[in-house]
Protein backbone atom coordinates (compact mmCIF):
# COMPACT_ATOMS: atom_id res chain seq x y z
CA UNK A 1 13.05 25.71 31.50
CA UNK A 2 9.63 25.63 31.76
CA UNK A 3 6.82 28.28 32.92
CA UNK A 4 4.85 27.28 36.11
CA UNK A 5 1.19 29.09 35.31
CA UNK A 6 -0.74 30.18 37.96
CA UNK A 7 -4.46 30.60 35.89
CA UNK A 8 -5.49 32.71 38.68
CA UNK A 9 -5.18 35.21 41.36
CA UNK A 10 -7.17 37.91 39.18
CA UNK A 11 -9.58 36.10 38.16
CA UNK A 12 -11.85 32.77 38.14
CA UNK A 13 -11.41 31.19 35.13
CA UNK A 14 -11.87 27.13 35.71
CA UNK A 15 -15.76 28.68 36.64
CA UNK A 16 -16.46 31.59 34.15
CA UNK A 17 -13.21 31.87 31.69
CA UNK A 18 -12.87 27.61 31.53
CA UNK A 19 -14.08 27.78 27.46
CA UNK A 20 -11.56 30.67 26.46
CA UNK A 21 -8.19 28.78 28.66
CA UNK A 22 -9.23 25.64 26.55
CA UNK A 23 -9.04 27.60 23.41
CA UNK A 24 -5.82 29.93 24.43
CA UNK A 25 -4.49 26.20 24.94
CA UNK A 26 -4.65 24.89 21.17
CA UNK A 27 -3.94 27.75 20.16
CA UNK A 28 -0.60 27.41 22.16
CA UNK A 29 -0.48 30.85 23.53
CA UNK A 30 -1.97 33.87 25.69
CA UNK A 31 -1.01 37.48 24.93
CA UNK A 32 -0.96 38.76 28.68
CA UNK A 33 -1.35 42.17 30.07
CA UNK A 34 0.02 44.19 32.66
CA UNK A 35 -2.65 45.24 34.00
CA UNK A 36 -0.56 48.83 35.54
CA UNK A 37 0.49 49.05 31.87
CA UNK A 38 -1.97 47.46 29.04
CA UNK A 39 -0.31 48.70 25.87
CA UNK A 40 2.92 45.86 27.55
CA UNK A 41 2.03 42.68 26.64
CA UNK A 42 3.50 39.66 27.60
CA UNK A 43 3.28 36.27 25.19
CA UNK A 44 2.78 33.22 27.27
CA UNK A 45 3.61 29.92 25.45
CA UNK A 46 0.93 27.09 26.79
CA UNK A 47 2.74 25.04 25.21
CA UNK A 48 3.10 21.77 26.67
CA UNK A 49 6.82 21.22 26.28
CA UNK A 50 6.84 24.82 28.25
CA UNK A 51 4.47 24.68 31.03
CA UNK A 52 5.97 23.07 34.17
CA UNK A 53 2.75 23.44 35.95
CA UNK A 54 -1.22 25.03 35.97
CA UNK A 55 -2.38 25.74 39.08
CA UNK A 56 -5.83 26.77 38.97
CA UNK A 57 -7.44 29.26 41.37
CA UNK A 58 -11.70 29.04 41.06
CA UNK A 59 -14.93 28.63 43.73
CA UNK A 60 -16.04 26.47 41.80
CA UNK A 61 -14.60 24.17 39.08
CA UNK A 62 -16.95 22.43 37.54
CA UNK A 63 -18.13 24.13 33.99
CA UNK A 64 -14.46 23.44 33.29
CA UNK A 65 -14.73 19.07 34.12
CA UNK A 66 -15.50 18.19 30.32
CA UNK A 67 -12.67 19.48 29.35
CA UNK A 68 -10.50 18.31 31.61
CA UNK A 69 -8.29 15.70 28.30
CA UNK A 70 -6.89 19.18 27.15
CA UNK A 71 -5.62 18.90 30.45
CA UNK A 72 -3.79 15.14 30.00
CA UNK A 73 -0.21 16.46 28.56
CA UNK A 74 0.21 18.94 31.68
CA UNK A 75 0.81 18.46 35.40
CA UNK A 76 -1.71 20.73 37.37
CA UNK A 77 -3.35 21.24 40.16
CA UNK A 78 -6.61 22.94 41.93
CA UNK A 79 -7.26 25.83 44.36
CA UNK A 80 -11.28 25.65 45.61
CA UNK A 81 -12.28 28.72 47.94
CA UNK A 82 -15.41 26.98 50.62
CA UNK A 83 -16.32 29.29 53.28
CA UNK A 84 -19.76 29.31 53.33
CA UNK A 85 -20.58 32.81 54.32
CA UNK A 86 -22.73 33.66 51.45
CA UNK A 87 -24.41 37.13 50.84
CA UNK A 88 -23.66 39.84 51.82
CA UNK A 89 -19.86 38.84 51.48
CA UNK A 90 -20.29 36.71 48.12
CA UNK A 91 -23.23 37.97 46.74
CA UNK A 92 -23.51 35.48 43.31
CA UNK A 93 -22.79 32.26 44.61
CA UNK A 94 -21.92 29.31 44.92
CA UNK A 95 -24.27 27.75 47.10
CA UNK A 96 -21.96 26.33 50.35
CA UNK A 97 -23.62 22.45 49.44
CA UNK A 98 -23.63 23.05 45.94
CA UNK A 99 -19.48 23.78 46.01
CA UNK A 100 -18.69 21.49 47.72
CA UNK A 101 -20.40 18.49 45.30
CA UNK A 102 -18.49 20.55 42.85
CA UNK A 103 -15.43 19.87 44.66
CA UNK A 104 -15.46 16.35 45.72
CA UNK A 105 -16.42 15.66 41.54
CA UNK A 106 -13.15 17.85 40.53
CA UNK A 107 -11.64 14.63 42.97
CA UNK A 108 -13.04 12.34 41.76
CA UNK A 109 -11.56 13.03 38.49
CA UNK A 110 -8.10 14.58 39.11
CA UNK A 111 -7.49 13.14 42.03
CA UNK A 112 -7.13 14.77 45.40
CA UNK A 113 -3.33 15.19 45.58
CA UNK A 114 -4.60 18.17 42.82
CA UNK A 115 -7.25 20.09 45.37
CA UNK A 116 -6.56 22.23 47.95
CA UNK A 117 -9.08 23.94 49.71
CA UNK A 118 -9.04 27.48 51.00
CA UNK A 119 -11.01 28.68 53.38
CA UNK A 120 -9.29 31.78 52.80
CA UNK A 121 -10.31 34.68 54.15
CA UNK A 122 -10.78 34.37 57.44
CA UNK A 123 -12.58 37.67 58.94
CA UNK A 124 -13.43 37.49 62.20
CA UNK A 125 -16.47 40.47 62.82
CA UNK A 126 -20.20 41.46 62.63
CA UNK A 127 -22.06 37.53 62.51
CA UNK A 128 -19.03 36.08 61.82
CA UNK A 129 -16.98 35.43 65.02
CA UNK A 130 -15.51 32.71 66.52
CA UNK A 131 -18.08 30.54 66.89
CA UNK A 132 -19.60 31.05 63.50
CA UNK A 133 -16.14 29.88 62.52
CA UNK A 134 -15.45 27.09 64.13
CA UNK A 135 -19.16 25.71 63.46
CA UNK A 136 -19.23 26.50 59.29
CA UNK A 137 -15.29 25.45 59.32
CA UNK A 138 -16.43 21.70 60.98
CA UNK A 139 -19.58 21.45 58.78
CA UNK A 140 -16.55 21.98 55.54
CA UNK A 141 -14.40 20.06 56.59
CA UNK A 142 -16.56 16.77 57.53
CA UNK A 143 -17.38 17.13 53.50
CA UNK A 144 -14.19 17.94 52.32
CA UNK A 145 -12.01 15.68 54.55
CA UNK A 146 -10.74 13.48 51.96
CA UNK A 147 -10.80 15.19 48.71
CA UNK A 148 -7.85 17.22 48.89
CA UNK A 149 -4.70 17.37 49.85
CA UNK A 150 -4.51 19.86 52.70
CA UNK A 151 -6.39 23.21 53.79
CA UNK A 152 -5.03 26.70 53.24
CA UNK A 153 -6.45 29.34 56.37
CA UNK A 154 -5.92 33.11 55.59
CA UNK A 155 -7.05 36.34 57.03
CA UNK A 156 -8.08 39.31 55.21
CA UNK A 157 -5.49 41.35 54.32
CA UNK A 158 -6.18 44.76 53.82
CA UNK A 159 -7.05 46.75 49.90
CA UNK A 160 -8.80 50.17 49.90
CA UNK A 161 -10.91 48.92 47.36
CA UNK A 162 -12.20 46.15 49.64
CA UNK A 163 -11.91 47.77 52.49
CA UNK A 164 -14.59 50.55 50.74
CA UNK A 165 -16.92 47.70 50.23
CA UNK A 166 -17.26 45.87 53.50
CA UNK A 167 -16.91 49.35 55.52
CA UNK A 168 -20.00 49.77 53.71
CA UNK A 169 -21.68 47.14 54.28
CA UNK A 170 -20.43 47.23 58.44
CA UNK A 171 -18.07 44.12 57.71
CA UNK A 172 -15.03 45.85 58.19
CA UNK A 173 -12.55 44.32 60.57
CA UNK A 174 -12.01 46.43 63.31
CA UNK A 175 -7.90 44.25 63.59
CA UNK A 176 -5.75 45.26 60.59
CA UNK A 177 -2.57 42.12 60.63
CA UNK A 178 -0.11 45.19 61.79
CA UNK A 179 -1.90 45.49 64.92
CA UNK A 180 -2.51 41.63 65.51
CA UNK A 181 0.13 40.02 64.92
CA UNK A 182 2.66 41.34 67.96
CA UNK A 183 -0.22 39.17 70.14
CA UNK A 184 0.35 36.11 67.79
CA UNK A 185 2.62 34.80 70.80
CA UNK A 186 -0.26 36.09 73.40
CA UNK A 187 -3.81 36.43 74.42
CA UNK A 188 -5.54 37.23 71.09
CA UNK A 189 -9.10 35.68 69.45
CA UNK A 190 -7.51 35.72 65.92
CA UNK A 191 -4.90 33.54 66.76
CA UNK A 192 -7.89 31.82 68.88
CA UNK A 193 -9.59 31.18 66.55
CA UNK A 194 -6.84 29.99 63.70
CA UNK A 195 -5.95 27.18 66.47
CA UNK A 196 -9.84 26.16 66.48
CA UNK A 197 -9.41 26.25 62.93
CA UNK A 198 -6.47 23.76 62.84
CA UNK A 199 -7.75 21.65 65.60
CA UNK A 200 -10.72 20.61 63.75
CA UNK A 201 -9.34 20.46 60.40
CA UNK A 202 -6.64 17.30 61.84
CA UNK A 203 -9.67 15.75 63.39
CA UNK A 204 -10.73 15.53 59.76
CA UNK A 205 -7.16 14.24 58.43
CA UNK A 206 -6.84 16.76 57.59
CA UNK A 207 -3.42 19.60 57.66
CA UNK A 208 -3.83 22.92 57.56
CA UNK A 209 -1.15 25.77 55.57
CA UNK A 210 -1.23 29.60 56.53
CA UNK A 211 -1.53 31.67 53.58
CA UNK A 212 1.59 34.45 54.21
CA UNK A 213 1.06 34.42 57.55
CA UNK A 214 4.19 33.03 57.96
CA UNK A 215 3.70 34.18 62.16
CA UNK A 216 0.77 32.23 62.83
CA UNK A 217 2.28 29.15 61.34
CA UNK A 218 5.13 28.85 63.29
CA UNK A 219 2.92 29.80 67.23
CA UNK A 220 0.74 27.53 65.81
CA UNK A 221 3.24 24.71 64.61
CA UNK A 222 1.85 24.29 60.74
CA UNK A 223 3.87 22.79 57.80
CA UNK A 224 5.38 25.41 56.36
CA UNK A 225 3.44 24.68 52.36
CA UNK A 226 3.60 28.17 49.85
CA UNK A 227 -0.01 27.83 47.61
CA UNK A 228 2.34 27.16 44.53
CA UNK A 229 4.92 25.05 45.95
CA UNK A 230 8.20 24.18 44.19
CA UNK A 231 7.15 20.29 46.35
CA UNK A 232 3.69 20.37 45.45
CA UNK A 233 5.43 20.85 40.98
CA UNK A 234 7.75 18.26 41.83
CA UNK A 235 5.55 15.64 42.43
CA UNK A 236 3.83 16.02 39.31
CA UNK A 237 6.27 17.25 36.97
CA UNK A 238 10.33 16.26 35.50
CA UNK A 239 10.07 19.72 33.89
CA UNK A 240 12.97 22.26 35.24
CA UNK A 241 11.07 25.16 36.89
CA UNK A 242 11.67 28.41 38.91
CA UNK A 243 12.09 28.07 42.41
CA UNK A 244 12.46 31.36 43.33
CA UNK A 245 10.33 32.92 44.91
CA UNK A 246 8.01 35.35 43.82
CA UNK A 247 9.37 38.71 44.59
CA UNK A 248 6.00 40.64 42.79
CA UNK A 249 3.34 38.67 45.71
CA UNK A 250 2.72 40.47 49.10
CA UNK A 251 4.81 40.58 52.51
CA UNK A 252 4.56 37.13 53.84
CA UNK A 253 3.94 35.72 51.08
CA UNK A 254 6.16 31.65 50.30
CA UNK A 255 4.63 31.17 46.53
CA UNK A 256 7.63 30.42 44.05
CA UNK A 257 7.90 32.32 40.66
CA UNK A 258 5.46 32.39 38.61
CA UNK A 259 3.33 34.16 35.32
CA UNK A 260 -0.70 34.39 35.85
CA UNK A 261 -3.03 34.73 32.51
CA UNK A 262 -5.66 36.43 34.13
CA UNK A 263 -7.11 40.30 33.94
CA UNK A 264 -8.70 41.79 36.64
CA UNK A 265 -12.35 42.92 36.62
CA UNK A 266 -13.85 39.77 34.45
CA UNK A 267 -15.04 37.72 37.57
CA UNK A 268 -18.66 38.42 38.46
CA UNK A 269 -19.18 37.00 41.99
CA UNK A 270 -18.92 40.77 43.36
CA UNK A 271 -17.49 39.15 46.51
CA UNK A 272 -16.67 42.02 48.86
CA UNK A 273 -13.43 40.84 50.45
CA UNK A 274 -11.89 39.68 47.54
CA UNK A 275 -8.62 42.33 46.40
CA UNK A 276 -8.64 41.11 42.70
CA UNK A 277 -12.30 42.79 42.39
CA UNK A 278 -10.73 46.14 42.48
CA UNK A 279 -15.28 47.76 42.29
CA UNK A 280 -15.70 50.42 45.04
CA UNK A 281 -19.14 49.77 44.56
């Protein structure tokens, strides 16, 4: 049975480690250390017959475009995160306009069916209120439009290290997920902004999936799609792979099983909300 390879929830491989990744493809394997026990190392085959699909996660896939020929024998698709926050939440880019152009260049090379836009996470705090999100999401959706298969939206989930960074910057959301979820079926600014974003997306011909937000997805009648989704993988490959739910992901996540080949602490962007950036400062 072939595996689905996540590249990567832990770091931005397309932006910063594409040469390393293509080198591992040539070698046919990668050794992945357990982030909680570095002495425990798993060798993962990257041979075409052993990989059902690569799922890439990035803020800018531009640096990997020149090497895309190495993926001709593989199924793959790409999650591209573009929020438009800028500093201080996203101190090290890319600039919004550059990110949109890079996404469109990627879609032109690989097809819109292989590209997913992530507006993730949504933080309702400080200047980033409902009106800000509506304005910026509309501008992004207008520029991205037909270059992606759909849009993924998610709320900020609390982690000790990211909470500390947000609090230090005065940008910690007042309402945690366990506080807003009971209000989904009643008046709630969180539900209101998500309803607005969903409506804007549909105006632009985009369907919306909610990442690890099943209650919101149900309340807003959103199509249930996982970020690592068996239906998408089946669309791209004829290989057999596990369709079991990935038990290692957070509650509410409906992704299927995958193997992540990234390493924490290797993305230099320094986004304050990032769960994979474990530095407090």
